[in-house]
Amino acid sequence: METLDLQRHMPPEYAGKVVTVNGCTHEVVPHIATRSKYIVHALINQRSGLSPHVMKVRKIFYTDPKAARTESLTTAEAVIQGLS
């Protein structure tokens, strides 16, 4: 299976690609939801067959990857602050 490359693959091509999460390989399934800011895919662990993770890709990523990264970092910082 081919590794998902967000710089090369577009959303209709995500299904069937693989990603690695915490050292485990997961297959990306067709999108399970589309929200105003995100496209959501379930990730199936190839060893266990379970789906412990989802992948949310910000739609803005396709038009402005730098802005998407900034938004993601801002969200992560807010979550960390909330945990402190």
Protein backbone atom coordinates (compact mmCIF):
# COMPACT_ATOMS: atom_id res chain seq x y z
CA MET A 1 0.00 0.00 0.00
CA GLU A 2 1.11 3.53 -0.73
CA THR A 3 1.82 6.04 2.03
CA LEU A 4 -0.51 9.06 2.10
CA ASP A 5 1.24 12.24 0.99
CA LEU A 6 -0.91 15.31 1.65
CA GLN A 7 1.23 17.40 -0.67
CA ARG A 8 0.56 15.03 -3.57
CA HIS A 9 -2.75 13.29 -2.92
CA MET A 10 -6.11 15.02 -3.04
CA PRO A 11 -9.06 13.98 -0.78
CA PRO A 12 -10.65 11.53 -3.26
CA GLU A 13 -7.30 9.66 -3.32
CA TYR A 14 -6.90 9.23 0.47
CA ALA A 15 -8.84 5.96 0.78
CA GLY A 16 -6.57 2.93 0.63
CA LYS A 17 -3.42 4.89 1.50
CA VAL A 18 -1.58 4.23 4.77
CA VAL A 19 -0.32 6.44 7.58
CA THR A 20 1.76 5.62 10.65
CA VAL A 21 0.48 6.59 14.11
CA ASN A 22 2.60 5.80 17.16
CA GLY A 23 4.63 3.31 15.14
CA CYS A 24 1.56 1.41 13.89
CA THR A 25 0.41 1.33 10.27
CA HIS A 26 -3.20 2.39 9.64
CA GLU A 27 -5.22 2.31 6.43
CA VAL A 28 -7.20 5.44 5.56
CA VAL A 29 -10.83 4.59 4.78
CA PRO A 30 -13.15 6.72 2.62
CA HIS A 31 -14.18 9.90 4.42
CA ILE A 32 -16.72 9.37 7.17
CA ALA A 33 -17.71 13.02 7.58
CA THR A 34 -17.31 16.42 6.03
CA ARG A 35 -17.55 19.41 8.31
CA SER A 36 -17.32 23.11 7.59
CA LYS A 37 -13.56 23.18 8.24
CA TYR A 38 -12.53 19.50 8.01
CA ILE A 39 -12.67 16.30 6.03
CA VAL A 40 -12.68 13.35 8.48
CA HIS A 41 -11.38 9.84 7.76
CA ALA A 42 -11.26 6.80 10.04
CA LEU A 43 -7.92 5.02 10.35
CA ILE A 44 -7.94 1.21 10.58
CA ASN A 45 -5.01 -0.39 12.41
CA GLN A 46 -3.66 -2.97 9.97
CA ARG A 47 -2.58 -5.38 12.70
CA SER A 48 -5.66 -5.32 14.95
CA GLY A 49 -8.36 -4.26 12.48
CA LEU A 50 -9.61 -1.72 15.02
CA SER A 51 -10.20 1.97 14.38
CA PRO A 52 -8.77 3.85 17.36
CA HIS A 53 -8.01 7.06 15.45
CA VAL A 54 -9.53 9.49 12.99
CA MET A 55 -7.71 11.90 10.73
CA LYS A 56 -9.08 15.42 10.30
CA VAL A 57 -7.64 17.42 7.42
CA ARG A 58 -8.42 21.12 7.38
CA LYS A 59 -9.99 22.10 4.06
CA ILE A 60 -7.85 25.26 4.01
CA PHE A 61 -4.81 22.98 3.66
CA TYR A 62 -5.55 22.61 -0.06
CA THR A 63 -5.58 26.33 -0.75
CA ASP A 64 -3.16 27.63 1.88
CA PRO A 65 -1.04 24.97 3.65
CA LYS A 66 0.82 27.55 5.76
CA ALA A 67 -2.44 28.99 7.11
CA ALA A 68 -3.66 25.47 7.91
CA ARG A 69 -0.47 24.77 9.86
CA THR A 70 -0.85 28.05 11.77
CA GLU A 71 -4.48 27.20 12.64
CA SER A 72 -3.45 23.72 13.81
CA LEU A 73 -0.65 25.08 16.00
CA THR A 74 -2.96 27.70 17.51
CA THR A 75 -5.55 25.03 18.33
CA ALA A 76 -2.89 22.76 19.86
CA GLU A 77 -1.57 25.59 22.02
CA ALA A 78 -5.08 26.40 23.24
CA VAL A 79 -5.64 22.75 24.18
CA ILE A 80 -2.33 22.62 26.05
CA GLN A 81 -3.18 25.83 27.92
CA GLY A 82 -6.52 24.34 28.88
CA LEU A 83 -4.79 21.30 30.36
CA SER A 84 -2.42 23.39 32.47
